[in-house]
Structure formats: C-alpha cells, structure tokens
PDB file of N, CA and C in Angstrom:
ATOM      1  N   MET A   1      37.308  71.952  71.702  1.00  0.00           N
ATOM      2  CA  MET A   1      36.316  70.909  71.618  1.00  0.00           C
ATOM      3  C   MET A   1      35.202  71.326  70.646  1.00  0.00           C
ATOM      4  N   TRP A   2      34.790  72.590  70.762  1.00  0.00           N
ATOM      5  CA  TRP A   2      33.720  73.059  69.897  1.00  0.00           C
ATOM      6  C   TRP A   2      34.132  72.964  68.429  1.00  0.00           C
ATOM      7  N   ASN A   3      35.363  73.351  68.133  1.00  0.00           N
ATOM      8  CA  ASN A   3      35.845  73.296  66.751  1.00  0.00           C
ATOM      9  C   ASN A   3      35.878  71.860  66.228  1.00  0.00           C
ATOM     10  N   MET A   4      36.279  70.926  67.063  1.00  0.00           N
ATOM     11  CA  MET A   4      36.305  69.529  66.643  1.00  0.00           C
ATOM     12  C   MET A   4      34.896  69.032  66.332  1.00  0.00           C
ATOM     13  N   LEU A   5      33.942  69.364  67.180  1.00  0.00           N
ATOM     14  CA  LEU A   5      32.563  68.944  66.946  1.00  0.00           C
ATOM     15  C   LEU A   5      31.979  69.597  65.704  1.00  0.00           C
ATOM     16  N   TRP A   6      32.289  70.852  65.505  1.00  0.00           N
ATOM     17  CA  TRP A   6      31.779  71.572  64.335  1.00  0.00           C
ATOM     18  C   TRP A   6      32.319  70.951  63.043  1.00  0.00           C
ATOM     19  N   ARG A   7      33.637  70.669  63.016  1.00  0.00           N
ATOM     20  CA  ARG A   7      34.216  70.048  61.832  1.00  0.00           C
ATOM     21  C   ARG A   7      33.621  68.663  61.589  1.00  0.00           C
ATOM     22  N   TRP A   8      33.395  67.905  62.656  1.00  0.00           N
ATOM     23  CA  TRP A   8      32.787  66.586  62.523  1.00  0.00           C
ATOM     24  C   TRP A   8      31.377  66.689  61.930  1.00  0.00           C
ATOM     25  N   ALA A   9      30.589  67.626  62.445  1.00  0.00           N
ATOM     26  CA  ALA A   9      29.216  67.784  61.962  1.00  0.00           C
ATOM     27  C   ALA A   9      29.192  68.208  60.488  1.00  0.00           C
ATOM     28  N   LYS A  10      30.089  69.123  60.100  1.00  0.00           N
ATOM     29  CA  LYS A  10      30.145  69.546  58.699  1.00  0.00           C
ATOM     30  C   LYS A  10      30.586  68.403  57.790  1.00  0.00           C
ATOM     31  N   ARG A  11      31.535  67.601  58.257  1.00  0.00           N
ATOM     32  CA  ARG A  11      32.009  66.463  57.479  1.00  0.00           C
ATOM     33  C   ARG A  11      30.922  65.387  57.366  1.00  0.00           C
ATOM     34  N   ARG A  12      30.163  65.196  58.437  1.00  0.00           N
ATOM     35  CA  ARG A  12      29.108  64.186  58.443  1.00  0.00           C
ATOM     36  C   ARG A  12      27.953  64.559  57.515  1.00  0.00           C
ATOM     37  N   HIS A  13      27.664  65.827  57.403  1.00  0.00           N
ATOM     38  CA  HIS A  13      26.546  66.293  56.579  1.00  0.00           C
ATOM     39  C   HIS A  13      27.052  67.225  55.479  1.00  0.00           C
ATOM     40  N   GLN A  14      27.855  66.691  54.596  1.00  0.00           N
ATOM     41  CA  GLN A  14      28.424  67.490  53.519  1.00  0.00           C
ATOM     42  C   GLN A  14      27.368  67.935  52.519  1.00  0.00           C
ATOM     43  N   ASP A  15      26.304  67.150  52.387  1.00  0.00           N
ATOM     44  CA  ASP A  15      25.276  67.489  51.407  1.00  0.00           C
ATOM     45  C   ASP A  15      24.389  68.640  51.858  1.00  0.00           C
ATOM     46  N   LYS A  16      24.437  68.989  53.150  1.00  0.00           N
ATOM     47  CA  LYS A  16      23.638  70.109  53.656  1.00  0.00           C
ATOM     48  C   LYS A  16      24.433  71.396  53.474  1.00  0.00           C
ATOM     49  N   ASN A  17      23.874  72.326  52.727  1.00  0.00           N
ATOM     50  CA  ASN A  17      24.549  73.605  52.496  1.00  0.00           C
ATOM     51  C   ASN A  17      24.335  74.566  53.648  1.00  0.00           C
ATOM     52  N   SER A  18      23.247  74.383  54.378  1.00  0.00           N
ATOM     53  CA  SER A  18      22.896  75.330  55.416  1.00  0.00           C
ATOM     54  C   SER A  18      23.593  74.992  56.740  1.00  0.00           C
ATOM     55  N   LYS A  19      24.344  75.947  57.250  1.00  0.00           N
ATOM     56  CA  LYS A  19      24.985  75.761  58.549  1.00  0.00           C
ATOM     57  C   LYS A  19      23.962  75.823  59.673  1.00  0.00           C
ATOM     58  N   THR A  20      22.879  76.545  59.456  1.00  0.00           N
ATOM     59  CA  THR A  20      21.845  76.627  60.493  1.00  0.00           C
ATOM     60  C   THR A  20      21.154  75.283  60.692  1.00  0.00           C
ATOM     61  N   TRP A  21      21.063  74.463  59.642  1.00  0.00           N
ATOM     62  CA  TRP A  21      20.475  73.134  59.789  1.00  0.00           C
ATOM     63  C   TRP A  21      21.337  72.286  60.716  1.00  0.00           C
ATOM     64  N   ILE A  22      22.653  72.348  60.548  1.00  0.00           N
ATOM     65  CA  ILE A  22      23.580  71.596  61.396  1.00  0.00           C
ATOM     66  C   ILE A  22      23.477  72.081  62.832  1.00  0.00           C
ATOM     67  N   VAL A  23      23.394  73.388  63.024  1.00  0.00           N
ATOM     68  CA  VAL A  23      23.282  73.946  64.376  1.00  0.00           C
ATOM     69  C   VAL A  23      21.996  73.468  65.036  1.00  0.00           C
ATOM     70  N   ARG A  24      20.886  73.517  64.318  1.00  0.00           N
ATOM     71  CA  ARG A  24      19.609  73.081  64.885  1.00  0.00           C
ATOM     72  C   ARG A  24      19.607  71.593  65.203  1.00  0.00           C
ATOM     73  N   LYS A  25      20.329  70.811  64.430  1.00  0.00           N
ATOM     74  CA  LYS A  25      20.339  69.373  64.647  1.00  0.00           C
ATOM     75  C   LYS A  25      21.156  68.973  65.869  1.00  0.00           C
ATOM     76  N   TYR A  26      22.307  69.597  66.102  1.00  0.00           N
ATOM     77  CA  TYR A  26      23.225  69.126  67.139  1.00  0.00           C
ATOM     78  C   TYR A  26      23.366  70.039  68.349  1.00  0.00           C
ATOM     79  N   TRP A  27      23.116  71.319  68.224  1.00  0.00           N
ATOM     80  CA  TRP A  27      23.307  72.228  69.347  1.00  0.00           C
ATOM     81  C   TRP A  27      21.960  72.746  69.833  1.00  0.00           C
ATOM     82  N   GLN A  28      21.658  72.471  71.103  1.00  0.00           N
ATOM     83  CA  GLN A  28      20.401  72.906  71.695  1.00  0.00           C
ATOM     84  C   GLN A  28      20.669  73.761  72.931  1.00  0.00           C
ATOM     85  N   CYS A  29      19.611  74.370  73.442  1.00  0.00           N
ATOM     86  CA  CYS A  29      19.664  75.104  74.702  1.00  0.00           C
ATOM     87  C   CYS A  29      19.105  74.191  75.791  1.00  0.00           C
ATOM     88  N   GLU A  30      19.799  74.100  76.902  1.00  0.00           N
ATOM     89  CA  GLU A  30      19.322  73.322  78.042  1.00  0.00           C
ATOM     90  C   GLU A  30      19.422  74.196  79.282  1.00  0.00           C
ATOM     91  N   GLY A  31      18.298  74.560  79.833  1.00  0.00           N
ATOM     92  CA  GLY A  31      18.288  75.428  81.009  1.00  0.00           C
ATOM     93  C   GLY A  31      18.876  76.780  80.670  1.00  0.00           C
ATOM     94  N   SER A  32      19.870  77.184  81.438  1.00  0.00           N
ATOM     95  CA  SER A  32      20.505  78.479  81.200  1.00  0.00           C
ATOM     96  C   SER A  32      21.690  78.372  80.246  1.00  0.00           C
ATOM     97  N   ARG A  33      22.000  77.170  79.778  1.00  0.00           N
ATOM     98  CA  ARG A  33      23.152  76.973  78.902  1.00  0.00           C
ATOM     99  C   ARG A  33      22.726  76.979  77.437  1.00  0.00           C
ATOM    100  N   ASN A  34      23.492  77.687  76.629  1.00  0.00           N
ATOM    101  CA  ASN A  34      23.283  77.708  75.189  1.00  0.00           C
ATOM    102  C   ASN A  34      24.361  76.866  74.528  1.00  0.00           C
ATOM    103  N   TRP A  35      24.105  76.420  73.339  1.00  0.00           N
ATOM    104  CA  TRP A  35      25.065  75.679  72.541  1.00  0.00           C
ATOM    105  C   TRP A  35      25.549  74.412  73.242  1.00  0.00           C
ATOM    106  N   VAL A  36      24.609  73.584  73.667  1.00  0.00           N
ATOM    107  CA  VAL A  36      24.936  72.296  74.273  1.00  0.00           C
ATOM    108  C   VAL A  36      24.853  71.246  73.175  1.00  0.00           C
ATOM    109  N   PHE A  37      25.941  70.546  72.937  1.00  0.00           N
ATOM    110  CA  PHE A  37      25.983  69.524  71.895  1.00  0.00           C
ATOM    111  C   PHE A  37      25.239  68.292  72.380  1.00  0.00           C
ATOM    112  N   SER A  38      24.173  67.918  71.666  1.00  0.00           N
ATOM    113  CA  SER A  38      23.392  66.751  72.071  1.00  0.00           C
ATOM    114  C   SER A  38      22.598  66.211  70.901  1.00  0.00           C
ATOM    115  N   THR A  39      22.207  64.951  71.043  1.00  0.00           N
ATOM    116  CA  THR A  39      21.295  64.316  70.106  1.00  0.00           C
ATOM    117  C   THR A  39      20.016  64.020  70.868  1.00  0.00           C
ATOM    118  N   LYS A  40      19.119  63.268  70.254  1.00  0.00           N
ATOM    119  CA  LYS A  40      17.865  62.947  70.937  1.00  0.00           C
ATOM    120  C   LYS A  40      18.104  62.049  72.147  1.00  0.00           C
ATOM    121  N   LYS A  41      19.110  61.183  72.066  1.00  0.00           N
ATOM    122  CA  LYS A  41      19.376  60.226  73.145  1.00  0.00           C
ATOM    123  C   LYS A  41      20.462  60.697  74.114  1.00  0.00           C
ATOM    124  N   ASN A  42      21.503  61.313  73.602  1.00  0.00           N
ATOM    125  CA  ASN A  42      22.700  61.607  74.406  1.00  0.00           C
ATOM    126  C   ASN A  42      23.005  63.092  74.425  1.00  0.00           C
ATOM    127  N   ARG A  43      23.749  63.476  75.491  1.00  0.00           N
ATOM    128  CA  ARG A  43      24.215  64.851  75.625  1.00  0.00           C
ATOM    129  C   ARG A  43      25.689  64.806  75.984  1.00  0.00           C
ATOM    130  N   LEU A  44      26.462  65.676  75.375  1.00  0.00           N
ATOM    131  CA  LEU A  44      27.882  65.730  75.665  1.00  0.00           C
ATOM    132  C   LEU A  44      28.077  66.264  77.070  1.00  0.00           C
ATOM    133  N   LYS A  45      28.832  65.542  77.868  1.00  0.00           N
ATOM    134  CA  LYS A  45      29.079  65.961  79.241  1.00  0.00           C
ATOM    135  C   LYS A  45      30.044  67.145  79.232  1.00  0.00           C
ATOM    136  N   LEU A  46      29.706  68.160  79.985  1.00  0.00           N
ATOM    137  CA  LEU A  46      30.543  69.353  80.035  1.00  0.00           C
ATOM    138  C   LEU A  46      31.698  69.153  81.006  1.00  0.00           C
ATOM    139  N   PHE A  47      32.808  69.788  80.734  1.00  0.00           N
ATOM    140  CA  PHE A  47      33.965  69.680  81.617  1.00  0.00           C
ATOM    141  C   PHE A  47      33.641  70.186  83.018  1.00  0.00           C
ATOM    142  N   SER A  48      32.799  71.210  83.103  1.00  0.00           N
ATOM    143  CA  SER A  48      32.465  71.782  84.412  1.00  0.00           C
ATOM    144  C   SER A  48      31.587  70.858  85.244  1.00  0.00           C
ATOM    145  N   ASP A  49      30.974  69.843  84.622  1.00  0.00           N
ATOM    146  CA  ASP A  49      30.157  68.884  85.365  1.00  0.00           C
ATOM    147  C   ASP A  49      30.982  67.790  86.027  1.00  0.00           C
ATOM    148  N   THR A  50      32.254  67.690  85.696  1.00  0.00           N
ATOM    149  CA  THR A  50      33.116  66.655  86.249  1.00  0.00           C
ATOM    150  C   THR A  50      33.553  67.034  87.663  1.00  0.00           C
ATOM    151  N   LYS A  51      33.331  66.113  88.598  1.00  0.00           N
ATOM    152  CA  LYS A  51      33.737  66.372  89.973  1.00  0.00           C
ATOM    153  C   LYS A  51      35.245  66.210  90.118  1.00  0.00           C
ATOM    154  N   ILE A  52      35.847  67.030  90.951  1.00  0.00           N
ATOM    155  CA  ILE A  52      37.274  66.936  91.224  1.00  0.00           C
ATOM    156  C   ILE A  52      37.454  65.967  92.387  1.00  0.00           C
ATOM    157  N   ILE A  53      38.263  64.948  92.182  1.00  0.00           N
ATOM    158  CA  ILE A  53      38.516  63.943  93.218  1.00  0.00           C
ATOM    159  C   ILE A  53      39.942  64.128  93.709  1.00  0.00           C
ATOM    160  N   ARG A  54      40.062  64.449  94.972  1.00  0.00           N
ATOM    161  CA  ARG A  54      41.387  64.647  95.565  1.00  0.00           C
ATOM    162  C   ARG A  54      41.946  63.309  96.028  1.00  0.00           C
ATOM    163  N   HIS A  55      43.248  63.195  96.058  1.00  0.00           N
ATOM    164  CA  HIS A  55      43.862  61.957  96.520  1.00  0.00           C
ATOM    165  C   HIS A  55      43.852  61.884  98.041  1.00  0.00           C
ATOM    166  N   ILE A  56      43.919  60.680  98.559  1.00  0.00           N
ATOM    167  CA  ILE A  56      43.995  60.464 100.008  1.00  0.00           C
ATOM    168  C   ILE A  56      45.465  60.536 100.391  1.00  0.00           C
ATOM    169  N   SER A  57      45.777  61.412 101.333  1.00  0.00           N
ATOM    170  CA  SER A  57      47.179  61.579 101.697  1.00  0.00           C
ATOM    171  C   SER A  57      47.710  60.319 102.385  1.00  0.00           C
ATOM    172  N   LEU A  58      48.968  60.083 102.188  1.00  0.00           N
ATOM    173  CA  LEU A  58      49.640  58.906 102.701  1.00  0.00           C
ATOM    174  C   LEU A  58      50.213  59.206 104.076  1.00  0.00           C
ATOM    175  N   LYS A  59      50.004  58.294 105.006  1.00  0.00           N
ATOM    176  CA  LYS A  59      50.608  58.458 106.330  1.00  0.00           C
ATOM    177  C   LYS A  59      52.076  58.065 106.236  1.00  0.00           C
ATOM    178  N   MET A  60      52.933  58.966 106.624  1.00  0.00           N
ATOM    179  CA  MET A  60      54.359  58.749 106.432  1.00  0.00           C
ATOM    180  C   MET A  60      54.962  57.743 107.410  1.00  0.00           C
ATOM    181  N   ASP A  61      54.257  57.431 108.498  1.00  0.00           N
ATOM    182  CA  ASP A  61      54.803  56.471 109.456  1.00  0.00           C
ATOM    183  C   ASP A  61      54.463  55.026 109.085  1.00  0.00           C
ATOM    184  N   LYS A  62      53.793  54.807 107.949  1.00  0.00           N
ATOM    185  CA  LYS A  62      53.410  53.465 107.514  1.00  0.00           C
ATOM    186  C   LYS A  62      54.452  52.900 106.560  1.00  0.00           C
ATOM    187  N   ASN A  63      54.721  51.610 106.706  1.00  0.00           N
ATOM    188  CA  ASN A  63      55.677  50.910 105.881  1.00  0.00           C
ATOM    189  C   ASN A  63      54.914  49.929 104.985  1.00  0.00           C
ATOM    190  N   PRO A  64      55.121  49.955 103.664  1.00  0.00           N
ATOM    191  CA  PRO A  64      54.363  49.061 102.791  1.00  0.00           C
ATOM    192  C   PRO A  64      54.628  47.576 103.044  1.00  0.00           C
ATOM    193  N   TYR A  65      55.769  47.256 103.618  1.00  0.00           N
ATOM    194  CA  TYR A  65      56.097  45.855 103.865  1.00  0.00           C
ATOM    195  C   TYR A  65      55.540  45.371 105.207  1.00  0.00           C
ATOM    196  N   LEU A  66      55.414  46.272 106.163  1.00  0.00           N
ATOM    197  CA  LEU A  66      54.935  45.873 107.495  1.00  0.00           C
ATOM    198  C   LEU A  66      53.444  46.147 107.678  1.00  0.00           C
ATOM    199  N   ASP A  67      52.940  47.202 107.089  1.00  0.00           N
ATOM    200  CA  ASP A  67      51.547  47.606 107.280  1.00  0.00           C
ATOM    201  C   ASP A  67      50.735  47.356 105.998  1.00  0.00           C
ATOM    202  N   SER A  68      50.716  46.140 105.544  1.00  0.00           N
ATOM    203  CA  SER A  68      50.033  45.835 104.278  1.00  0.00           C
ATOM    204  C   SER A  68      48.521  46.044 104.385  1.00  0.00           C
ATOM    205  N   GLU A  69      47.944  45.835 105.551  1.00  0.00           N
ATOM    206  CA  GLU A  69      46.502  46.026 105.734  1.00  0.00           C
ATOM    207  C   GLU A  69      46.105  47.483 105.507  1.00  0.00           C
ATOM    208  N   TYR A  70      46.930  48.412 105.977  1.00  0.00           N
ATOM    209  CA  TYR A  70      46.679  49.842 105.774  1.00  0.00           C
ATOM    210  C   TYR A  70      46.651  50.171 104.288  1.00  0.00           C
ATOM    211  N   PHE A  71      47.601  49.642 103.518  1.00  0.00           N
ATOM    212  CA  PHE A  71      47.692  49.960 102.095  1.00  0.00           C
ATOM    213  C   PHE A  71      46.570  49.304 101.295  1.00  0.00           C
ATOM    214  N   LYS A  72      46.113  48.120 101.702  1.00  0.00           N
ATOM    215  CA  LYS A  72      44.969  47.489 101.039  1.00  0.00           C
ATOM    216  C   LYS A  72      43.710  48.316 101.262  1.00  0.00           C
ATOM    217  N   LEU A  73      43.495  48.765 102.489  1.00  0.00           N
ATOM    218  CA  LEU A  73      42.325  49.576 102.798  1.00  0.00           C
ATOM    219  C   LEU A  73      42.392  50.925 102.092  1.00  0.00           C
ATOM    220  N   ARG A  74      43.564  51.508 102.003  1.00  0.00           N
ATOM    221  CA  ARG A  74      43.742  52.788 101.315  1.00  0.00           C
ATOM    222  C   ARG A  74      43.404  52.663  99.828  1.00  0.00           C
ATOM    223  N   LYS A  75      43.846  51.577  99.215  1.00  0.00           N
ATOM    224  CA  LYS A  75      43.553  51.356  97.800  1.00  0.00           C
ATOM    225  C   LYS A  75      42.047  51.169  97.578  1.00  0.00           C
ATOM    226  N   LEU A  76      41.379  50.460  98.486  1.00  0.00           N
ATOM    227  CA  LEU A  76      39.932  50.289  98.385  1.00  0.00           C
ATOM    228  C   LEU A  76      39.204  51.622  98.527  1.00  0.00           C
ATOM    229  N   LYS A  77      39.667  52.475  99.428  1.00  0.00           N
ATOM    230  CA  LYS A  77      39.052  53.798  99.603  1.00  0.00           C
ATOM    231  C   LYS A  77      39.222  54.649  98.350  1.00  0.00           C
ATOM    232  N   GLN A  78      40.388  54.560  97.711  1.00  0.00           N
ATOM    233  CA  GLN A  78      40.624  55.320  96.481  1.00  0.00           C
ATOM    234  C   GLN A  78      39.667  54.879  95.388  1.00  0.00           C
ATOM    235  N   LYS A  79      39.446  53.587  95.269  1.00  0.00           N
ATOM    236  CA  LYS A  79      38.519  53.081  94.255  1.00  0.00           C
ATOM    237  C   LYS A  79      37.089  53.473  94.587  1.00  0.00           C
ATOM    238  N   ALA A  80      36.755  53.512  95.871  1.00  0.00           N
ATOM    239  CA  ALA A  80      35.389  53.849  96.287  1.00  0.00           C
ATOM    240  C   ALA A  80      35.056  55.297  95.968  1.00  0.00           C
ATOM    241  N   LEU A  81      36.038  56.191  95.972  1.00  0.00           N
ATOM    242  CA  LEU A  81      35.782  57.598  95.656  1.00  0.00           C
ATOM    243  C   LEU A  81      35.331  57.785  94.213  1.00  0.00           C
ATOM    244  N   LYS A  82      35.733  56.890  93.325  1.00  0.00           N
ATOM    245  CA  LYS A  82      35.422  57.022  91.912  1.00  0.00           C
ATOM    246  C   LYS A  82      34.100  56.363  91.533  1.00  0.00           C
ATOM    247  N   LEU A  83      33.446  55.716  92.477  1.00  0.00           N
ATOM    248  CA  LEU A  83      32.218  54.993  92.180  1.00  0.00           C
ATOM    249  C   LEU A  83      31.030  55.928  91.991  1.00  0.00           C
ATOM    250  N   SER A  84      30.028  55.468  91.259  1.00  0.00           N
ATOM    251  CA  SER A  84      28.792  56.236  91.113  1.00  0.00           C
ATOM    252  C   SER A  84      27.945  56.056  92.367  1.00  0.00           C
ATOM    253  N   ASP A  85      26.834  56.781  92.453  1.00  0.00           N
ATOM    254  CA  ASP A  85      25.996  56.758  93.654  1.00  0.00           C
ATOM    255  C   ASP A  85      25.437  55.377  93.951  1.00  0.00           C
ATOM    256  N   TRP A  86      24.993  54.637  92.925  1.00  0.00           N
ATOM    257  CA  TRP A  86      24.437  53.313  93.151  1.00  0.00           C
ATOM    258  C   TRP A  86      25.478  52.387  93.760  1.00  0.00           C
ATOM    259  N   TYR A  87      26.699  52.437  93.232  1.00  0.00           N
ATOM    260  CA  TYR A  87      27.759  51.588  93.754  1.00  0.00           C
ATOM    261  C   TYR A  87      28.213  52.037  95.134  1.00  0.00           C
ATOM    262  N   LYS A  88      28.126  53.345  95.407  1.00  0.00           N
ATOM    263  CA  LYS A  88      28.524  53.833  96.727  1.00  0.00           C
ATOM    264  C   LYS A  88      27.631  53.271  97.819  1.00  0.00           C
ATOM    265  N   THR A  89      26.327  53.165  97.552  1.00  0.00           N
ATOM    266  CA  THR A  89      25.436  52.591  98.563  1.00  0.00           C
ATOM    267  C   THR A  89      25.778  51.129  98.789  1.00  0.00           C
ATOM    268  N   ARG A  90      26.075  50.409  97.724  1.00  0.00           N
ATOM    269  CA  ARG A  90      26.482  49.001  97.864  1.00  0.00           C
ATOM    270  C   ARG A  90      27.803  48.895  98.628  1.00  0.00           C
ATOM    271  N   TRP A  91      28.738  49.794  98.327  1.00  0.00           N
ATOM    272  CA  TRP A  91      30.042  49.799  98.988  1.00  0.00           C
ATOM    273  C   TRP A  91      29.876  50.040 100.484  1.00  0.00           C
ATOM    274  N   ASN A  92      29.040  51.009 100.850  1.00  0.00           N
ATOM    275  CA  ASN A  92      28.839  51.316 102.269  1.00  0.00           C
ATOM    276  C   ASN A  92      28.207  50.144 103.003  1.00  0.00           C
ATOM    277  N   LYS A  93      27.262  49.446 102.372  1.00  0.00           N
ATOM    278  CA  LYS A  93      26.663  48.269 103.003  1.00  0.00           C
ATOM    279  C   LYS A  93      27.699  47.172 103.193  1.00  0.00           C
ATOM    280  N   LEU A  94      28.542  46.968 102.194  1.00  0.00           N
ATOM    281  CA  LEU A  94      29.587  45.954 102.287  1.00  0.00           C
ATOM    282  C   LEU A  94      30.591  46.310 103.367  1.00  0.00           C
ATOM    283  N   LYS A  95      30.982  47.578 103.406  1.00  0.00           N
ATOM    284  CA  LYS A  95      31.954  48.032 104.403  1.00  0.00           C
ATOM    285  C   LYS A  95      31.383  47.883 105.810  1.00  0.00           C
ATOM    286  N   ASP A  96      30.091  48.201 105.993  1.00  0.00           N
ATOM    287  CA  ASP A  96      29.462  48.061 107.307  1.00  0.00           C
ATOM    288  C   ASP A  96      29.388  46.605 107.739  1.00  0.00           C
ATOM    289  N   SER A  97      29.125  45.705 106.790  1.00  0.00           N
ATOM    290  CA  SER A  97      29.037  44.292 107.145  1.00  0.00           C
ATOM    291  C   SER A  97      30.416  43.726 107.472  1.00  0.00           C
ATOM    292  N   LEU A  98      31.469  44.235 106.812  1.00  0.00           N
ATOM    293  CA  LEU A  98      32.814  43.769 107.112  1.00  0.00           C
ATOM    294  C   LEU A  98      33.323  44.272 108.461  1.00  0.00           C
ATOM    295  N   CYS A  99      32.952  45.492 108.798  1.00  0.00           N
ATOM    296  CA  CYS A  99      33.428  46.082 110.046  1.00  0.00           C
ATOM    297  C   CYS A  99      32.656  45.564 111.264  1.00  0.00           C
ATOM    298  N   ALA A 100      31.455  45.072 111.051  1.00  0.00           N
ATOM    299  CA  ALA A 100      30.624  44.606 112.184  1.00  0.00           C
ATOM    300  C   ALA A 100      31.064  43.285 112.716  1.00  0.00           C
TER     301      ALA A 100
END
C-alpha cells in the first residue's frame, strides 16, 4: 500500500524534485504513529483500525423452507452487525418497538 501511495504522489507532483516536499505534504505523524497518509481533510484508514466481524453460526436444526422467520431475523442481525454507531442506536430502538 505504501509503495502504491508513494508512486501516486510522485506521479501527481512530477514538477517537484524534492522527495521531502512530497513526504511533508502527504505523510504526517498522528499520536504515536509515524508516516500516516493524510491530507488536510481526510486520513487514510489503517488496516488495523478495521473491526473483525464474525459470522453468526447457523442452527442446524432449522429448515429454510419451514423456519423462514428464523432466517429473516438472522439476516437482519447480520446486517445490524455492520452498521455504524448512529444506525445501531436506531436499530435497537426499532427492534425494541417491534418486540414490545
């Protein structure tokens, strides 16, 4: 990834002879991390910041043709795991109102 970004930056600024200018423009230090690729508005998300989402195990005694309600609820739960925090609060309110 670093090599791809470096080649992109060099290609984008061909008129700049100084590699240190490119480094100062795109790579900054943030907290304890060095060489974080970012601009004034955006920062490249690091792979280590991505949460690992495990799948929900399937109950083997369920039949997709007979227990369709189970599979609909399972699919909704899978989608809910991928939601951001704002949507999760909305999801929980909706789920509570449906179950009540």
